[in-house]
Amino acid sequence: RSVTLYCSGGDGTVGLYHIADTQFVLQNGMDARSKLTVDGEVTSLSLSSDESYLLLGTTRGTVFRSILRPGQPPSADVFLEAPLVAAKAVAFHPFLNDRFATASADGQVRVWDSSSYRIVSQC
């Protein structure tokens, strides 16, 4: 069974590593097969429950979404440009792919509806 590892270096890039043979990786290291680049340092990542989307929170307060398609290089589009300060964390709902949460540097936690880009709840 292969595993995909998503790793942010804090420089606006996210490496996607496809690991089919963990013993080989332990002995020889990994090469990034695909790389995403976004504007701002990536502070958090969240994979949707069906593993088709990856959210990326950034220091600029922008949330990017990458649609993950097997065999195709990933790309990231601006998903949310709300009046957020740095996004400290983003997380998909564990069962509903149209809901996600952001936690920002101003201490606010917001739950969003991704189909309307509206805040459903905040504290």
C-alpha atoms as a PDB file:
ATOM      1  CA  ARG A   1       0.000   0.000   0.000  1.00  0.00           C
ATOM      2  CA  SER A   2       1.349   3.415  -0.912  1.00  0.00           C
ATOM      3  CA  VAL A   3       1.134   6.489   1.291  1.00  0.00           C
ATOM      4  CA  THR A   4       1.179  10.167   0.360  1.00  0.00           C
ATOM      5  CA  LEU A   5       2.918  12.595   2.693  1.00  0.00           C
ATOM      6  CA  TYR A   6       2.155  16.325   2.504  1.00  0.00           C
ATOM      7  CA  CYS A   7       4.884  18.508   3.960  1.00  0.00           C
ATOM      8  CA  SER A   8       5.210  22.293   4.210  1.00  0.00           C
ATOM      9  CA  GLY A   9       8.587  23.919   4.554  1.00  0.00           C
ATOM     10  CA  GLY A  10       7.210  27.300   5.647  1.00  0.00           C
ATOM     11  CA  ASP A  11       8.410  29.013   2.457  1.00  0.00           C
ATOM     12  CA  GLY A  12       5.138  28.907   0.531  1.00  0.00           C
ATOM     13  CA  THR A  13       5.736  25.420  -0.838  1.00  0.00           C
ATOM     14  CA  VAL A  14       4.123  22.100  -0.048  1.00  0.00           C
ATOM     15  CA  GLY A  15       5.818  18.906  -1.149  1.00  0.00           C
ATOM     16  CA  LEU A  16       3.760  15.837  -1.988  1.00  0.00           C
ATOM     17  CA  TYR A  17       5.702  12.649  -1.458  1.00  0.00           C
ATOM     18  CA  HIS A  18       4.294   9.374  -2.759  1.00  0.00           C
ATOM     19  CA  ILE A  19       5.741   6.503  -0.768  1.00  0.00           C
ATOM     20  CA  ALA A  20       5.179   3.020  -2.141  1.00  0.00           C
ATOM     21  CA  ASP A  21       8.088   1.264  -0.438  1.00  0.00           C
ATOM     22  CA  THR A  22       8.756   2.544   3.073  1.00  0.00           C
ATOM     23  CA  GLN A  23      11.903   0.425   3.482  1.00  0.00           C
ATOM     24  CA  PHE A  24      13.398   1.986   0.330  1.00  0.00           C
ATOM     25  CA  VAL A  25      12.544   5.462   1.625  1.00  0.00           C
ATOM     26  CA  LEU A  26      14.169   4.748   4.985  1.00  0.00           C
ATOM     27  CA  GLN A  27      17.376   3.678   3.245  1.00  0.00           C
ATOM     28  CA  ASN A  28      17.494   6.199   0.369  1.00  0.00           C
ATOM     29  CA  GLY A  29      15.400   9.224   1.366  1.00  0.00           C
ATOM     30  CA  MET A  30      12.501  10.821  -0.534  1.00  0.00           C
ATOM     31  CA  ASP A  31      12.147  12.973  -3.616  1.00  0.00           C
ATOM     32  CA  ALA A  32       9.250  15.395  -3.980  1.00  0.00           C
ATOM     33  CA  ARG A  33       7.208  14.136  -6.921  1.00  0.00           C
ATOM     34  CA  SER A  34       4.975  17.166  -6.941  1.00  0.00           C
ATOM     35  CA  LYS A  35       5.198  20.566  -5.379  1.00  0.00           C
ATOM     36  CA  LEU A  36       2.649  23.305  -4.754  1.00  0.00           C
ATOM     37  CA  THR A  37       3.668  26.942  -4.359  1.00  0.00           C
ATOM     38  CA  VAL A  38       1.403  29.608  -2.846  1.00  0.00           C
ATOM     39  CA  ASP A  39       1.717  33.229  -1.767  1.00  0.00           C
ATOM     40  CA  GLY A  40       2.646  33.372   1.927  1.00  0.00           C
ATOM     41  CA  GLU A  41       4.162  30.925   4.360  1.00  0.00           C
ATOM     42  CA  VAL A  42       2.052  27.799   4.798  1.00  0.00           C
ATOM     43  CA  THR A  43       1.043  27.434   8.444  1.00  0.00           C
ATOM     44  CA  SER A  44      -1.322  24.476   8.282  1.00  0.00           C
ATOM     45  CA  LEU A  45      -2.646  21.726   6.036  1.00  0.00           C
ATOM     46  CA  SER A  46      -5.884  19.750   6.099  1.00  0.00           C
ATOM     47  CA  LEU A  47      -6.895  16.821   3.907  1.00  0.00           C
ATOM     48  CA  SER A  48     -10.597  16.261   3.192  1.00  0.00           C
ATOM     49  CA  SER A  49     -12.154  13.037   4.433  1.00  0.00           C
ATOM     50  CA  ASP A  50     -12.374  11.660   0.880  1.00  0.00           C
ATOM     51  CA  GLU A  51      -8.752  12.756   0.206  1.00  0.00           C
ATOM     52  CA  SER A  52      -9.746  14.772  -2.869  1.00  0.00           C
ATOM     53  CA  TYR A  53      -8.932  18.243  -1.485  1.00  0.00           C
ATOM     54  CA  LEU A  54      -6.096  19.766   0.494  1.00  0.00           C
ATOM     55  CA  LEU A  55      -6.561  23.095   2.326  1.00  0.00           C
ATOM     56  CA  LEU A  56      -3.530  25.292   2.993  1.00  0.00           C
ATOM     57  CA  GLY A  57      -3.626  28.125   5.555  1.00  0.00           C
ATOM     58  CA  THR A  58      -1.064  30.919   5.212  1.00  0.00           C
ATOM     59  CA  THR A  59       0.505  33.727   7.213  1.00  0.00           C
ATOM     60  CA  ARG A  60      -1.258  36.218   4.924  1.00  0.00           C
ATOM     61  CA  GLY A  61      -4.670  34.968   6.024  1.00  0.00           C
ATOM     62  CA  THR A  62      -5.438  33.408   2.654  1.00  0.00           C
ATOM     63  CA  VAL A  63      -6.703  29.838   2.482  1.00  0.00           C
ATOM     64  CA  PHE A  64      -5.829  27.897  -0.655  1.00  0.00           C
ATOM     65  CA  ARG A  65      -7.461  24.717  -1.920  1.00  0.00           C
ATOM     66  CA  SER A  66      -5.752  22.085  -4.003  1.00  0.00           C
ATOM     67  CA  ILE A  67      -7.849  19.559  -5.898  1.00  0.00           C
ATOM     68  CA  LEU A  68      -5.973  16.266  -5.766  1.00  0.00           C
ATOM     69  CA  ARG A  69      -6.353  14.133  -8.884  1.00  0.00           C
ATOM     70  CA  PRO A  70      -4.362  10.904  -9.241  1.00  0.00           C
ATOM     71  CA  GLY A  71      -1.748  11.132 -11.968  1.00  0.00           C
ATOM     72  CA  GLN A  72      -2.026  14.924 -12.337  1.00  0.00           C
ATOM     73  CA  PRO A  73       0.242  17.555 -10.831  1.00  0.00           C
ATOM     74  CA  PRO A  74      -1.428  19.476  -8.026  1.00  0.00           C
ATOM     75  CA  SER A  75      -2.358  23.115  -8.297  1.00  0.00           C
ATOM     76  CA  ALA A  76      -3.602  25.505  -5.633  1.00  0.00           C
ATOM     77  CA  ASP A  77      -6.250  28.169  -6.083  1.00  0.00           C
ATOM     78  CA  VAL A  78      -7.285  30.901  -3.681  1.00  0.00           C
ATOM     79  CA  PHE A  79     -10.188  29.402  -1.794  1.00  0.00           C
ATOM     80  CA  LEU A  80     -10.872  32.102   0.770  1.00  0.00           C
ATOM     81  CA  GLU A  81      -9.674  35.676   1.006  1.00  0.00           C
ATOM     82  CA  ALA A  82     -11.628  36.753   4.021  1.00  0.00           C
ATOM     83  CA  PRO A  83     -10.636  39.503   6.425  1.00  0.00           C
ATOM     84  CA  LEU A  84      -8.407  37.090   8.264  1.00  0.00           C
ATOM     85  CA  VAL A  85      -5.094  37.716   9.866  1.00  0.00           C
ATOM     86  CA  ALA A  86      -2.592  34.888   9.660  1.00  0.00           C
ATOM     87  CA  ALA A  87      -4.335  31.529   9.538  1.00  0.00           C
ATOM     88  CA  LYS A  88      -2.778  29.493  12.317  1.00  0.00           C
ATOM     89  CA  ALA A  89      -4.826  26.397  11.486  1.00  0.00           C
ATOM     90  CA  VAL A  90      -7.285  25.089   8.907  1.00  0.00           C
ATOM     91  CA  ALA A  91      -9.251  21.865   9.226  1.00  0.00           C
ATOM     92  CA  PHE A  92     -11.907  20.098   7.231  1.00  0.00           C
ATOM     93  CA  HIS A  93     -14.912  18.716   9.068  1.00  0.00           C
ATOM     94  CA  PRO A  94     -14.240  14.988   9.582  1.00  0.00           C
ATOM     95  CA  PHE A  95     -17.343  13.923   7.601  1.00  0.00           C
ATOM     96  CA  LEU A  96     -18.629  16.962   5.659  1.00  0.00           C
ATOM     97  CA  ASN A  97     -16.355  18.194   2.878  1.00  0.00           C
ATOM     98  CA  ASP A  98     -18.336  21.436   2.531  1.00  0.00           C
ATOM     99  CA  ARG A  99     -17.432  22.581   6.068  1.00  0.00           C
ATOM    100  CA  PHE A 100     -14.051  23.681   7.330  1.00  0.00           C
ATOM    101  CA  ALA A 101     -12.685  25.710  10.219  1.00  0.00           C
ATOM    102  CA  THR A 102      -9.999  28.374  10.476  1.00  0.00           C
ATOM    103  CA  ALA A 103      -8.169  29.568  13.566  1.00  0.00           C
ATOM    104  CA  SER A 104      -6.451  32.899  13.072  1.00  0.00           C
ATOM    105  CA  ALA A 105      -3.781  34.876  14.887  1.00  0.00           C
ATOM    106  CA  ASP A 106      -6.441  37.245  16.279  1.00  0.00           C
ATOM    107  CA  GLY A 107      -7.819  34.361  18.384  1.00  0.00           C
ATOM    108  CA  GLN A 108     -10.955  33.847  16.284  1.00  0.00           C
ATOM    109  CA  VAL A 109     -12.158  30.385  15.295  1.00  0.00           C
ATOM    110  CA  ARG A 110     -14.565  30.356  12.361  1.00  0.00           C
ATOM    111  CA  VAL A 111     -16.507  27.522  10.759  1.00  0.00           C
ATOM    112  CA  TRP A 112     -17.165  28.073   7.050  1.00  0.00           C
ATOM    113  CA  ASP A 113     -19.578  26.720   4.467  1.00  0.00           C
ATOM    114  CA  SER A 114     -17.385  26.151   1.415  1.00  0.00           C
ATOM    115  CA  SER A 115     -20.326  26.230  -1.000  1.00  0.00           C
ATOM    116  CA  SER A 116     -21.295  29.799  -0.036  1.00  0.00           C
ATOM    117  CA  TYR A 117     -18.030  31.022   1.593  1.00  0.00           C
ATOM    118  CA  ARG A 118     -20.065  32.209   4.558  1.00  0.00           C
ATOM    119  CA  ILE A 119     -19.260  31.905   8.217  1.00  0.00           C
ATOM    120  CA  VAL A 120     -21.559  29.331   9.847  1.00  0.00           C
ATOM    121  CA  SER A 121     -20.228  29.817  13.356  1.00  0.00           C
ATOM    122  CA  GLN A 122     -17.483  31.723  15.137  1.00  0.00           C
ATOM    123  CA  CYS A 123     -16.095  32.219  18.593  1.00  0.00           C
END
